[in-house]
Amino acid sequence: MVSDINHIIQRALKGDKNYQEILLKRLTPLIYKNIYTYYEPAHPLVEDLAQEGYMVILESLKDYKENFNAHYLHFIKIRLYYFYKNLSKENYKYSTTSIEDLKEKGRELKREDISLQERLIIKENRETLYKSLNKLSENERKILLFYYFQGLTMKEISLKLNLKYRTVINMKSLALKKLRDML
């Protein structure tokens, strides 16, 4: 497996468009992991942020030099991490009130602050998500719940469910694809 990804990376670095596309598909979970660190999965900008992540990866193929003394995967992991971190800081600067500000001041977000229409949309989105989650297999549902709601790592999930690490990663990717298709 490792030599396989190394081969893909080497071909992508040489400019092979097919291998660049394969690399983008392989790195999709890393992109979404970084996005979900700063944004909720239901956030309307998630897909746009993912596209920007793909652009960061493609640009990094041009910027990466083998004499960096770091493997490409480590290089791109750090680059994506800081890209999304800086992006979330920019968005934070321009937001008028954040939940963190409210917590610091000891105030709670009141129900009247959200319009009836917004509450109905949130409720409808939540119901749709729950229905879609229930259509997934039991293990797929558990993996998503453990990962996104309980914050467990893939390794912890694989141990908890008694599944191979790679199986957990593949099941998570497949479950997310199914959810996207259903939503």
N, C-alpha and C. Protein backbone atom coordinates (compact mmCIF):
# COMPACT_ATOMS: atom_id res chain seq x y z
N MET A 1 0.83 -1.20 0.00
CA MET A 1 0.00 0.00 0.00
C MET A 1 0.86 1.26 0.00
N VAL A 2 1.90 1.29 0.85
CA VAL A 2 2.73 2.48 0.94
C VAL A 2 3.46 2.72 -0.38
N SER A 3 4.02 1.65 -0.95
CA SER A 3 4.72 1.83 -2.23
C SER A 3 3.74 2.27 -3.30
N ASP A 4 2.50 1.85 -3.21
CA ASP A 4 1.47 2.25 -4.16
C ASP A 4 1.25 3.76 -4.11
N ILE A 5 1.10 4.32 -2.93
CA ILE A 5 0.88 5.76 -2.80
C ILE A 5 2.14 6.51 -3.22
N ASN A 6 3.31 5.95 -2.91
CA ASN A 6 4.56 6.60 -3.33
C ASN A 6 4.66 6.66 -4.85
N HIS A 7 4.24 5.59 -5.50
CA HIS A 7 4.25 5.57 -6.97
C HIS A 7 3.29 6.63 -7.52
N ILE A 8 2.11 6.72 -6.92
CA ILE A 8 1.12 7.71 -7.35
C ILE A 8 1.68 9.12 -7.17
N ILE A 9 2.30 9.36 -6.04
CA ILE A 9 2.87 10.68 -5.76
C ILE A 9 3.96 11.02 -6.76
N GLN A 10 4.86 10.07 -7.02
CA GLN A 10 5.96 10.34 -7.96
C GLN A 10 5.43 10.67 -9.35
N ARG A 11 4.43 9.92 -9.80
CA ARG A 11 3.86 10.18 -11.13
C ARG A 11 3.12 11.52 -11.15
N ALA A 12 2.41 11.84 -10.06
CA ALA A 12 1.68 13.11 -9.98
C ALA A 12 2.66 14.28 -9.97
N LEU A 13 3.76 14.13 -9.25
CA LEU A 13 4.78 15.19 -9.21
C LEU A 13 5.40 15.43 -10.58
N LYS A 14 5.44 14.40 -11.41
CA LYS A 14 6.00 14.53 -12.75
C LYS A 14 4.99 15.14 -13.72
N GLY A 15 3.77 15.39 -13.26
CA GLY A 15 2.79 16.07 -14.10
C GLY A 15 1.77 15.17 -14.76
N ASP A 16 1.74 13.89 -14.44
CA ASP A 16 0.77 12.97 -15.03
C ASP A 16 -0.63 13.29 -14.48
N LYS A 17 -1.49 13.77 -15.36
CA LYS A 17 -2.83 14.22 -14.95
C LYS A 17 -3.67 13.09 -14.35
N ASN A 18 -3.55 11.88 -14.89
CA ASN A 18 -4.32 10.75 -14.36
C ASN A 18 -3.92 10.45 -12.92
N TYR A 19 -2.64 10.47 -12.65
CA TYR A 19 -2.16 10.20 -11.30
C TYR A 19 -2.46 11.37 -10.35
N GLN A 20 -2.51 12.57 -10.89
CA GLN A 20 -2.91 13.71 -10.05
C GLN A 20 -4.36 13.53 -9.61
N GLU A 21 -5.20 13.07 -10.51
CA GLU A 21 -6.60 12.83 -10.17
C GLU A 21 -6.72 11.71 -9.13
N ILE A 22 -5.95 10.66 -9.30
CA ILE A 22 -5.96 9.56 -8.33
C ILE A 22 -5.49 10.07 -6.97
N LEU A 23 -4.45 10.89 -6.97
CA LEU A 23 -3.94 11.46 -5.71
C LEU A 23 -5.00 12.31 -5.03
N LEU A 24 -5.71 13.12 -5.81
CA LEU A 24 -6.78 13.94 -5.23
C LEU A 24 -7.84 13.07 -4.57
N LYS A 25 -8.21 11.98 -5.22
CA LYS A 25 -9.20 11.07 -4.63
C LYS A 25 -8.68 10.45 -3.35
N ARG A 26 -7.40 10.08 -3.35
CA ARG A 26 -6.81 9.46 -2.16
C ARG A 26 -6.72 10.44 -0.99
N LEU A 27 -6.55 11.72 -1.30
CA LEU A 27 -6.38 12.72 -0.24
C LEU A 27 -7.69 13.40 0.17
N THR A 28 -8.81 13.00 -0.44
CA THR A 28 -10.10 13.59 -0.10
C THR A 28 -10.42 13.47 1.39
N PRO A 29 -10.22 12.29 2.03
CA PRO A 29 -10.51 12.23 3.47
C PRO A 29 -9.69 13.22 4.29
N LEU A 30 -8.46 13.46 3.91
CA LEU A 30 -7.61 14.44 4.61
C LEU A 30 -8.19 15.84 4.48
N ILE A 31 -8.69 16.16 3.30
CA ILE A 31 -9.29 17.47 3.08
C ILE A 31 -10.49 17.65 3.99
N TYR A 32 -11.40 16.66 3.98
CA TYR A 32 -12.61 16.78 4.80
C TYR A 32 -12.29 16.77 6.29
N LYS A 33 -11.28 16.02 6.70
CA LYS A 33 -10.89 16.01 8.11
C LYS A 33 -10.48 17.42 8.55
N ASN A 34 -9.71 18.09 7.72
CA ASN A 34 -9.28 19.46 8.04
C ASN A 34 -10.45 20.43 8.00
N ILE A 35 -11.35 20.27 7.07
CA ILE A 35 -12.52 21.16 7.00
C ILE A 35 -13.37 20.99 8.25
N TYR A 36 -13.63 19.73 8.63
CA TYR A 36 -14.52 19.46 9.77
C TYR A 36 -13.88 19.86 11.10
N THR A 37 -12.60 20.15 11.10
CA THR A 37 -11.97 20.67 12.31
C THR A 37 -12.48 22.07 12.62
N TYR A 38 -12.81 22.83 11.58
CA TYR A 38 -13.21 24.22 11.76
C TYR A 38 -14.66 24.51 11.36
N TYR A 39 -15.28 23.62 10.61
CA TYR A 39 -16.64 23.84 10.13
C TYR A 39 -17.49 22.60 10.38
N GLU A 40 -18.76 22.82 10.65
CA GLU A 40 -19.69 21.71 10.82
C GLU A 40 -19.90 21.02 9.48
N PRO A 41 -20.17 19.70 9.48
CA PRO A 41 -20.40 19.00 8.21
C PRO A 41 -21.56 19.57 7.39
N ALA A 42 -22.54 20.16 8.06
CA ALA A 42 -23.70 20.70 7.34
C ALA A 42 -23.48 22.15 6.88
N HIS A 43 -22.32 22.70 7.16
CA HIS A 43 -22.04 24.09 6.78
C HIS A 43 -22.14 24.23 5.26
N PRO A 44 -22.78 25.29 4.79
CA PRO A 44 -22.97 25.44 3.33
C PRO A 44 -21.68 25.61 2.53
N LEU A 45 -20.60 25.97 3.18
CA LEU A 45 -19.34 26.19 2.45
C LEU A 45 -18.46 24.95 2.35
N VAL A 46 -18.87 23.83 2.92
CA VAL A 46 -18.01 22.65 2.98
C VAL A 46 -17.55 22.21 1.59
N GLU A 47 -18.45 22.13 0.64
CA GLU A 47 -18.07 21.68 -0.71
C GLU A 47 -17.12 22.69 -1.38
N ASP A 48 -17.37 23.98 -1.18
CA ASP A 48 -16.47 24.99 -1.73
C ASP A 48 -15.09 24.89 -1.09
N LEU A 49 -15.07 24.65 0.22
CA LEU A 49 -13.80 24.51 0.92
C LEU A 49 -13.04 23.27 0.43
N ALA A 50 -13.78 22.21 0.13
CA ALA A 50 -13.14 21.00 -0.40
C ALA A 50 -12.50 21.30 -1.75
N GLN A 51 -13.18 22.05 -2.59
CA GLN A 51 -12.62 22.40 -3.90
C GLN A 51 -11.34 23.23 -3.72
N GLU A 52 -11.36 24.12 -2.75
CA GLU A 52 -10.15 24.91 -2.48
C GLU A 52 -9.02 24.01 -1.99
N GLY A 53 -9.37 22.98 -1.22
CA GLY A 53 -8.37 22.02 -0.77
C GLY A 53 -7.73 21.28 -1.93
N TYR A 54 -8.56 20.92 -2.91
CA TYR A 54 -8.01 20.28 -4.11
C TYR A 54 -7.03 21.21 -4.82
N MET A 55 -7.38 22.50 -4.86
CA MET A 55 -6.48 23.47 -5.49
C MET A 55 -5.16 23.58 -4.72
N VAL A 56 -5.24 23.54 -3.40
CA VAL A 56 -4.01 23.59 -2.58
C VAL A 56 -3.12 22.39 -2.91
N ILE A 57 -3.74 21.21 -3.06
CA ILE A 57 -2.96 20.01 -3.38
C ILE A 57 -2.30 20.15 -4.75
N LEU A 58 -3.06 20.61 -5.73
CA LEU A 58 -2.49 20.77 -7.08
C LEU A 58 -1.37 21.80 -7.10
N GLU A 59 -1.55 22.88 -6.36
CA GLU A 59 -0.48 23.89 -6.28
C GLU A 59 0.75 23.34 -5.56
N SER A 60 0.50 22.50 -4.55
CA SER A 60 1.62 21.95 -3.79
C SER A 60 2.45 21.00 -4.63
N LEU A 61 1.84 20.38 -5.65
CA LEU A 61 2.61 19.52 -6.54
C LEU A 61 3.69 20.33 -7.27
N LYS A 62 3.39 21.59 -7.54
CA LYS A 62 4.37 22.46 -8.20
C LYS A 62 5.42 22.96 -7.22
N ASP A 63 4.99 23.20 -5.96
CA ASP A 63 5.88 23.79 -4.96
C ASP A 63 6.80 22.78 -4.28
N TYR A 64 6.39 21.52 -4.26
CA TYR A 64 7.13 20.50 -3.51
C TYR A 64 8.48 20.20 -4.17
N LYS A 65 9.50 20.18 -3.36
CA LYS A 65 10.84 19.81 -3.81
C LYS A 65 11.29 18.62 -2.97
N GLU A 66 11.88 17.64 -3.61
CA GLU A 66 12.29 16.44 -2.89
C GLU A 66 13.37 16.70 -1.86
N ASN A 67 14.07 17.81 -1.98
CA ASN A 67 15.11 18.13 -1.01
C ASN A 67 14.56 18.85 0.22
N PHE A 68 13.22 18.85 0.40
CA PHE A 68 12.61 19.44 1.59
C PHE A 68 12.85 18.58 2.82
N ASN A 69 13.36 17.38 2.66
CA ASN A 69 13.57 16.43 3.76
C ASN A 69 12.27 16.09 4.47
N ALA A 70 11.20 16.04 3.71
CA ALA A 70 9.90 15.63 4.25
C ALA A 70 9.16 14.90 3.13
N HIS A 71 8.46 13.85 3.52
CA HIS A 71 7.65 13.11 2.55
C HIS A 71 6.52 14.01 2.06
N TYR A 72 6.11 13.82 0.84
CA TYR A 72 5.05 14.66 0.26
C TYR A 72 3.78 14.63 1.11
N LEU A 73 3.41 13.46 1.63
CA LEU A 73 2.17 13.38 2.42
C LEU A 73 2.25 14.25 3.68
N HIS A 74 3.42 14.28 4.29
CA HIS A 74 3.60 15.13 5.46
C HIS A 74 3.53 16.60 5.05
N PHE A 75 4.16 16.91 3.94
CA PHE A 75 4.16 18.27 3.40
C PHE A 75 2.73 18.75 3.14
N ILE A 76 1.93 17.93 2.47
CA ILE A 76 0.57 18.35 2.12
C ILE A 76 -0.33 18.37 3.34
N LYS A 77 -0.11 17.48 4.28
CA LYS A 77 -0.90 17.47 5.50
C LYS A 77 -0.74 18.80 6.25
N ILE A 78 0.49 19.25 6.37
CA ILE A 78 0.77 20.51 7.05
C ILE A 78 0.21 21.69 6.27
N ARG A 79 0.38 21.64 4.95
CA ARG A 79 -0.11 22.74 4.11
C ARG A 79 -1.64 22.86 4.22
N LEU A 80 -2.35 21.75 4.16
CA LEU A 80 -3.81 21.78 4.27
C LEU A 80 -4.24 22.26 5.66
N TYR A 81 -3.55 21.76 6.68
CA TYR A 81 -3.88 22.16 8.05
C TYR A 81 -3.83 23.68 8.21
N TYR A 82 -2.73 24.27 7.77
CA TYR A 82 -2.58 25.72 7.93
C TYR A 82 -3.47 26.50 6.97
N PHE A 83 -3.75 25.95 5.80
CA PHE A 83 -4.65 26.63 4.88
C PHE A 83 -6.04 26.78 5.52
N TYR A 84 -6.59 25.69 6.05
CA TYR A 84 -7.92 25.76 6.65
C TYR A 84 -7.91 26.53 7.98
N LYS A 85 -6.82 26.42 8.72
CA LYS A 85 -6.72 27.17 9.97
C LYS A 85 -6.74 28.68 9.69
N ASN A 86 -5.94 29.12 8.73
CA ASN A 86 -5.90 30.54 8.38
C ASN A 86 -7.23 31.00 7.79
N LEU A 87 -7.86 30.16 7.00
CA LEU A 87 -9.15 30.49 6.42
C LEU A 87 -10.20 30.66 7.51
N SER A 88 -10.18 29.79 8.51
CA SER A 88 -11.17 29.91 9.58
C SER A 88 -10.92 31.16 10.42
N LYS A 89 -9.64 31.56 10.57
CA LYS A 89 -9.33 32.80 11.29
C LYS A 89 -9.87 34.01 10.54
N GLU A 90 -9.72 33.99 9.21
CA GLU A 90 -10.24 35.10 8.42
C GLU A 90 -11.76 35.19 8.55
N ASN A 91 -12.42 34.05 8.49
CA ASN A 91 -13.88 34.04 8.63
C ASN A 91 -14.29 34.47 10.03
N TYR A 92 -13.47 34.11 11.02
CA TYR A 92 -13.77 34.47 12.39
C TYR A 92 -13.69 35.99 12.56
N LYS A 93 -12.70 36.63 11.92
CA LYS A 93 -12.54 38.08 12.04
C LYS A 93 -13.76 38.83 11.52
N TYR A 94 -14.36 38.30 10.47
CA TYR A 94 -15.46 39.01 9.83
C TYR A 94 -16.83 38.64 10.39
N SER A 95 -16.88 37.63 11.25
CA SER A 95 -18.18 37.30 11.84
C SER A 95 -18.49 38.29 12.95
N THR A 96 -19.75 38.67 13.07
CA THR A 96 -20.12 39.68 14.06
C THR A 96 -20.10 39.12 15.48
N THR A 97 -20.70 37.99 15.69
CA THR A 97 -20.71 37.36 17.00
C THR A 97 -20.46 35.88 16.82
N SER A 98 -19.53 35.36 17.56
CA SER A 98 -19.26 33.93 17.47
C SER A 98 -19.77 33.25 18.74
N ILE A 99 -19.96 31.98 18.66
CA ILE A 99 -20.40 31.22 19.82
C ILE A 99 -19.35 31.30 20.92
N GLU A 100 -18.06 31.34 20.51
CA GLU A 100 -16.99 31.44 21.51
C GLU A 100 -17.10 32.75 22.30
N ASP A 101 -17.42 33.85 21.59
CA ASP A 101 -17.59 35.13 22.28
C ASP A 101 -18.73 35.05 23.29
N LEU A 102 -19.82 34.41 22.89
CA LEU A 102 -20.97 34.30 23.78
C LEU A 102 -20.62 33.47 25.01
N LYS A 103 -19.86 32.41 24.81
CA LYS A 103 -19.48 31.56 25.95
C LYS A 103 -18.59 32.34 26.90
N GLU A 104 -17.65 33.12 26.34
CA GLU A 104 -16.72 33.87 27.18
C GLU A 104 -17.46 34.91 28.02
N LYS A 105 -18.47 35.51 27.46
CA LYS A 105 -19.20 36.54 28.18
C LYS A 105 -20.26 35.94 29.11
N GLY A 106 -20.40 34.61 29.06
CA GLY A 106 -21.34 33.97 29.96
C GLY A 106 -22.79 34.07 29.52
N ARG A 107 -23.01 34.46 28.28
CA ARG A 107 -24.38 34.55 27.79
C ARG A 107 -24.69 33.33 26.94
N GLU A 108 -25.97 33.05 26.81
CA GLU A 108 -26.39 31.95 25.96
C GLU A 108 -27.08 32.50 24.73
N LEU A 109 -27.01 31.71 23.69
CA LEU A 109 -27.72 32.07 22.47
C LEU A 109 -29.21 31.83 22.70
N LYS A 110 -30.00 32.87 22.55
CA LYS A 110 -31.43 32.75 22.83
C LYS A 110 -32.17 32.24 21.61
N ARG A 111 -33.27 31.54 21.85
CA ARG A 111 -34.06 30.97 20.76
C ARG A 111 -34.65 32.07 19.88
N GLU A 112 -34.94 33.25 20.45
CA GLU A 112 -35.52 34.34 19.66
C GLU A 112 -34.54 34.89 18.63
N ASP A 113 -33.23 34.64 18.86
CA ASP A 113 -32.22 35.14 17.94
C ASP A 113 -32.29 34.45 16.58
N ILE A 114 -32.90 33.28 16.54
CA ILE A 114 -33.03 32.53 15.30
C ILE A 114 -34.47 32.65 14.83
N SER A 115 -34.66 33.05 13.60
CA SER A 115 -36.01 33.23 13.07
C SER A 115 -36.71 31.87 12.96
N LEU A 116 -38.01 31.92 12.88
CA LEU A 116 -38.81 30.71 12.75
C LEU A 116 -38.41 29.94 11.50
N GLN A 117 -38.19 30.65 10.41
CA GLN A 117 -37.80 30.02 9.16
C GLN A 117 -36.46 29.29 9.31
N GLU A 118 -35.50 29.93 9.96
CA GLU A 118 -34.19 29.31 10.16
C GLU A 118 -34.31 28.07 11.03
N ARG A 119 -35.15 28.14 12.08
CA ARG A 119 -35.35 26.97 12.94
C ARG A 119 -35.96 25.81 12.17
N LEU A 120 -36.92 26.11 11.29
CA LEU A 120 -37.55 25.05 10.50
C LEU A 120 -36.53 24.42 9.53
N ILE A 121 -35.70 25.24 8.94
CA ILE A 121 -34.68 24.72 8.02
C ILE A 121 -33.69 23.84 8.77
N ILE A 122 -33.26 24.29 9.94
CA ILE A 122 -32.32 23.51 10.75
C ILE A 122 -32.95 22.18 11.14
N LYS A 123 -34.21 22.23 11.57
CA LYS A 123 -34.92 21.01 11.98
C LYS A 123 -35.06 20.06 10.80
N GLU A 124 -35.42 20.59 9.65
CA GLU A 124 -35.58 19.76 8.44
C GLU A 124 -34.25 19.13 8.03
N ASN A 125 -33.18 19.92 8.07
CA ASN A 125 -31.85 19.38 7.72
C ASN A 125 -31.43 18.29 8.69
N ARG A 126 -31.69 18.50 9.96
CA ARG A 126 -31.34 17.52 10.99
C ARG A 126 -32.11 16.22 10.77
N GLU A 127 -33.42 16.35 10.49
CA GLU A 127 -34.24 15.16 10.26
C GLU A 127 -33.76 14.40 9.02
N THR A 128 -33.43 15.12 7.97
CA THR A 128 -32.93 14.50 6.74
C THR A 128 -31.63 13.77 7.01
N LEU A 129 -30.75 14.39 7.79
CA LEU A 129 -29.48 13.76 8.13
C LEU A 129 -29.71 12.49 8.93
N TYR A 130 -30.58 12.53 9.94
CA TYR A 130 -30.85 11.34 10.75
C TYR A 130 -31.46 10.21 9.91
N LYS A 131 -32.37 10.56 9.02
CA LYS A 131 -32.96 9.53 8.15
C LYS A 131 -31.89 8.92 7.25
N SER A 132 -31.03 9.76 6.72
CA SER A 132 -29.96 9.27 5.86
C SER A 132 -28.97 8.40 6.64
N LEU A 133 -28.65 8.81 7.86
CA LEU A 133 -27.75 8.01 8.69
C LEU A 133 -28.35 6.63 8.96
N ASN A 134 -29.66 6.59 9.17
CA ASN A 134 -30.31 5.31 9.46
C ASN A 134 -30.34 4.38 8.26
N LYS A 135 -30.14 4.91 7.06
CA LYS A 135 -30.10 4.07 5.86
C LYS A 135 -28.73 3.42 5.66
N LEU A 136 -27.73 3.88 6.40
CA LEU A 136 -26.39 3.30 6.30
C LEU A 136 -26.34 1.99 7.08
N SER A 137 -25.34 1.18 6.78
CA SER A 137 -25.16 -0.05 7.55
C SER A 137 -24.78 0.32 8.99
N GLU A 138 -24.92 -0.63 9.88
CA GLU A 138 -24.66 -0.37 11.30
C GLU A 138 -23.21 0.09 11.53
N ASN A 139 -22.26 -0.60 10.90
CA ASN A 139 -20.86 -0.23 11.09
C ASN A 139 -20.55 1.14 10.48
N GLU A 140 -21.12 1.43 9.32
CA GLU A 140 -20.89 2.74 8.70
C GLU A 140 -21.42 3.84 9.61
N ARG A 141 -22.61 3.64 10.15
CA ARG A 141 -23.21 4.63 11.05
C ARG A 141 -22.36 4.80 12.30
N LYS A 142 -21.92 3.70 12.88
CA LYS A 142 -21.10 3.76 14.09
C LYS A 142 -19.79 4.51 13.82
N ILE A 143 -19.17 4.22 12.68
CA ILE A 143 -17.90 4.87 12.35
C ILE A 143 -18.09 6.39 12.26
N LEU A 144 -19.14 6.82 11.56
CA LEU A 144 -19.38 8.27 11.43
C LEU A 144 -19.69 8.90 12.78
N LEU A 145 -20.50 8.23 13.58
CA LEU A 145 -20.85 8.78 14.89
C LEU A 145 -19.63 8.85 15.81
N PHE A 146 -18.84 7.77 15.82
CA PHE A 146 -17.64 7.78 16.64
C PHE A 146 -16.67 8.87 16.18
N TYR A 147 -16.48 9.00 14.88
CA TYR A 147 -15.49 9.94 14.35
C TYR A 147 -15.93 11.40 14.50
N TYR A 148 -17.15 11.70 14.07
CA TYR A 148 -17.57 13.10 14.02
C TYR A 148 -18.22 13.60 15.31
N PHE A 149 -18.88 12.72 16.05
CA PHE A 149 -19.59 13.20 17.23
C PHE A 149 -18.86 12.89 18.53
N GLN A 150 -18.06 11.81 18.54
CA GLN A 150 -17.32 11.49 19.76
C GLN A 150 -15.84 11.82 19.64
N GLY A 151 -15.40 12.19 18.43
CA GLY A 151 -14.03 12.63 18.24
C GLY A 151 -12.98 11.53 18.34
N LEU A 152 -13.38 10.27 18.12
CA LEU A 152 -12.42 9.18 18.17
C LEU A 152 -11.57 9.17 16.90
N THR A 153 -10.35 8.69 17.03
CA THR A 153 -9.48 8.57 15.86
C THR A 153 -9.84 7.29 15.11
N MET A 154 -9.35 7.19 13.89
CA MET A 154 -9.62 5.99 13.09
C MET A 154 -9.06 4.75 13.78
N LYS A 155 -7.91 4.89 14.40
CA LYS A 155 -7.30 3.75 15.10
C LYS A 155 -8.17 3.31 16.28
N GLU A 156 -8.67 4.28 17.04
CA GLU A 156 -9.55 3.94 18.18
C GLU A 156 -10.83 3.27 17.70
N ILE A 157 -11.36 3.76 16.59
CA ILE A 157 -12.59 3.17 16.04
C ILE A 157 -12.32 1.74 15.58
N SER A 158 -11.18 1.52 14.91
CA SER A 158 -10.87 0.17 14.44
C SER A 158 -10.73 -0.81 15.60
N LEU A 159 -10.14 -0.36 16.69
CA LEU A 159 -10.02 -1.21 17.87
C LEU A 159 -11.38 -1.46 18.51
N LYS A 160 -12.19 -0.42 18.60
CA LYS A 160 -13.51 -0.52 19.24
C LYS A 160 -14.45 -1.44 18.47
N LEU A 161 -14.39 -1.37 17.14
CA LEU A 161 -15.28 -2.19 16.30
C LEU A 161 -14.64 -3.51 15.87
N ASN A 162 -13.39 -3.70 16.26
CA ASN A 162 -12.66 -4.92 15.92
C ASN A 162 -12.58 -5.10 14.40
N LEU A 163 -12.24 -4.00 13.72
CA LEU A 163 -12.08 -4.01 12.27
C LEU A 163 -10.67 -3.53 11.93
N LYS A 164 -10.20 -3.88 10.74
CA LYS A 164 -8.89 -3.41 10.31
C LYS A 164 -8.95 -1.90 10.08
N TYR A 165 -7.83 -1.26 10.34
CA TYR A 165 -7.73 0.20 10.19
C TYR A 165 -8.14 0.65 8.80
N ARG A 166 -7.62 0.00 7.78
CA ARG A 166 -7.91 0.38 6.39
C ARG A 166 -9.40 0.17 6.08
N THR A 167 -10.00 -0.87 6.66
CA THR A 167 -11.43 -1.14 6.46
C THR A 167 -12.25 0.02 7.02
N VAL A 168 -11.86 0.51 8.18
CA VAL A 168 -12.57 1.63 8.80
C VAL A 168 -12.48 2.87 7.91
N ILE A 169 -11.31 3.14 7.38
CA ILE A 169 -11.13 4.31 6.50
C ILE A 169 -11.99 4.17 5.25
N ASN A 170 -11.96 2.99 4.64
CA ASN A 170 -12.76 2.77 3.43
C ASN A 170 -14.25 2.87 3.72
N MET A 171 -14.68 2.30 4.86
CA MET A 171 -16.11 2.35 5.20
C MET A 171 -16.55 3.79 5.47
N LYS A 172 -15.69 4.58 6.10
CA LYS A 172 -16.02 5.98 6.37
C LYS A 172 -16.17 6.75 5.06
N SER A 173 -15.23 6.56 4.15
CA SER A 173 -15.30 7.24 2.85
C SER A 173 -16.56 6.84 2.09
N LEU A 174 -16.85 5.56 2.09
CA LEU A 174 -18.04 5.06 1.40
C LEU A 174 -19.32 5.61 2.05
N ALA A 175 -19.34 5.63 3.38
CA ALA A 175 -20.52 6.15 4.09
C ALA A 175 -20.73 7.63 3.78
N LEU A 176 -19.66 8.40 3.74
CA LEU A 176 -19.79 9.82 3.41
C LEU A 176 -20.28 10.02 1.98
N LYS A 177 -19.80 9.19 1.08
CA LYS A 177 -20.26 9.28 -0.32
C LYS A 177 -21.75 8.96 -0.39
N LYS A 178 -22.17 7.91 0.34
CA LYS A 178 -23.59 7.54 0.37
C LYS A 178 -24.43 8.70 0.93
N LEU A 179 -23.95 9.30 2.02
CA LEU A 179 -24.67 10.41 2.63
C LEU A 179 -24.79 11.58 1.66
N ARG A 180 -23.70 11.90 0.98
CA ARG A 180 -23.74 12.99 0.01
C ARG A 180 -24.75 12.72 -1.10
N ASP A 181 -24.78 11.46 -1.54
CA ASP A 181 -25.73 11.09 -2.59
C ASP A 181 -27.17 11.18 -2.09
N MET A 182 -27.39 10.80 -0.84
CA MET A 182 -28.74 10.85 -0.27
C MET A 182 -29.19 12.29 0.00
N LEU A 183 -28.23 13.14 0.37
CA LEU A 183 -28.58 14.52 0.70
C LEU A 183 -28.56 15.36 -0.56
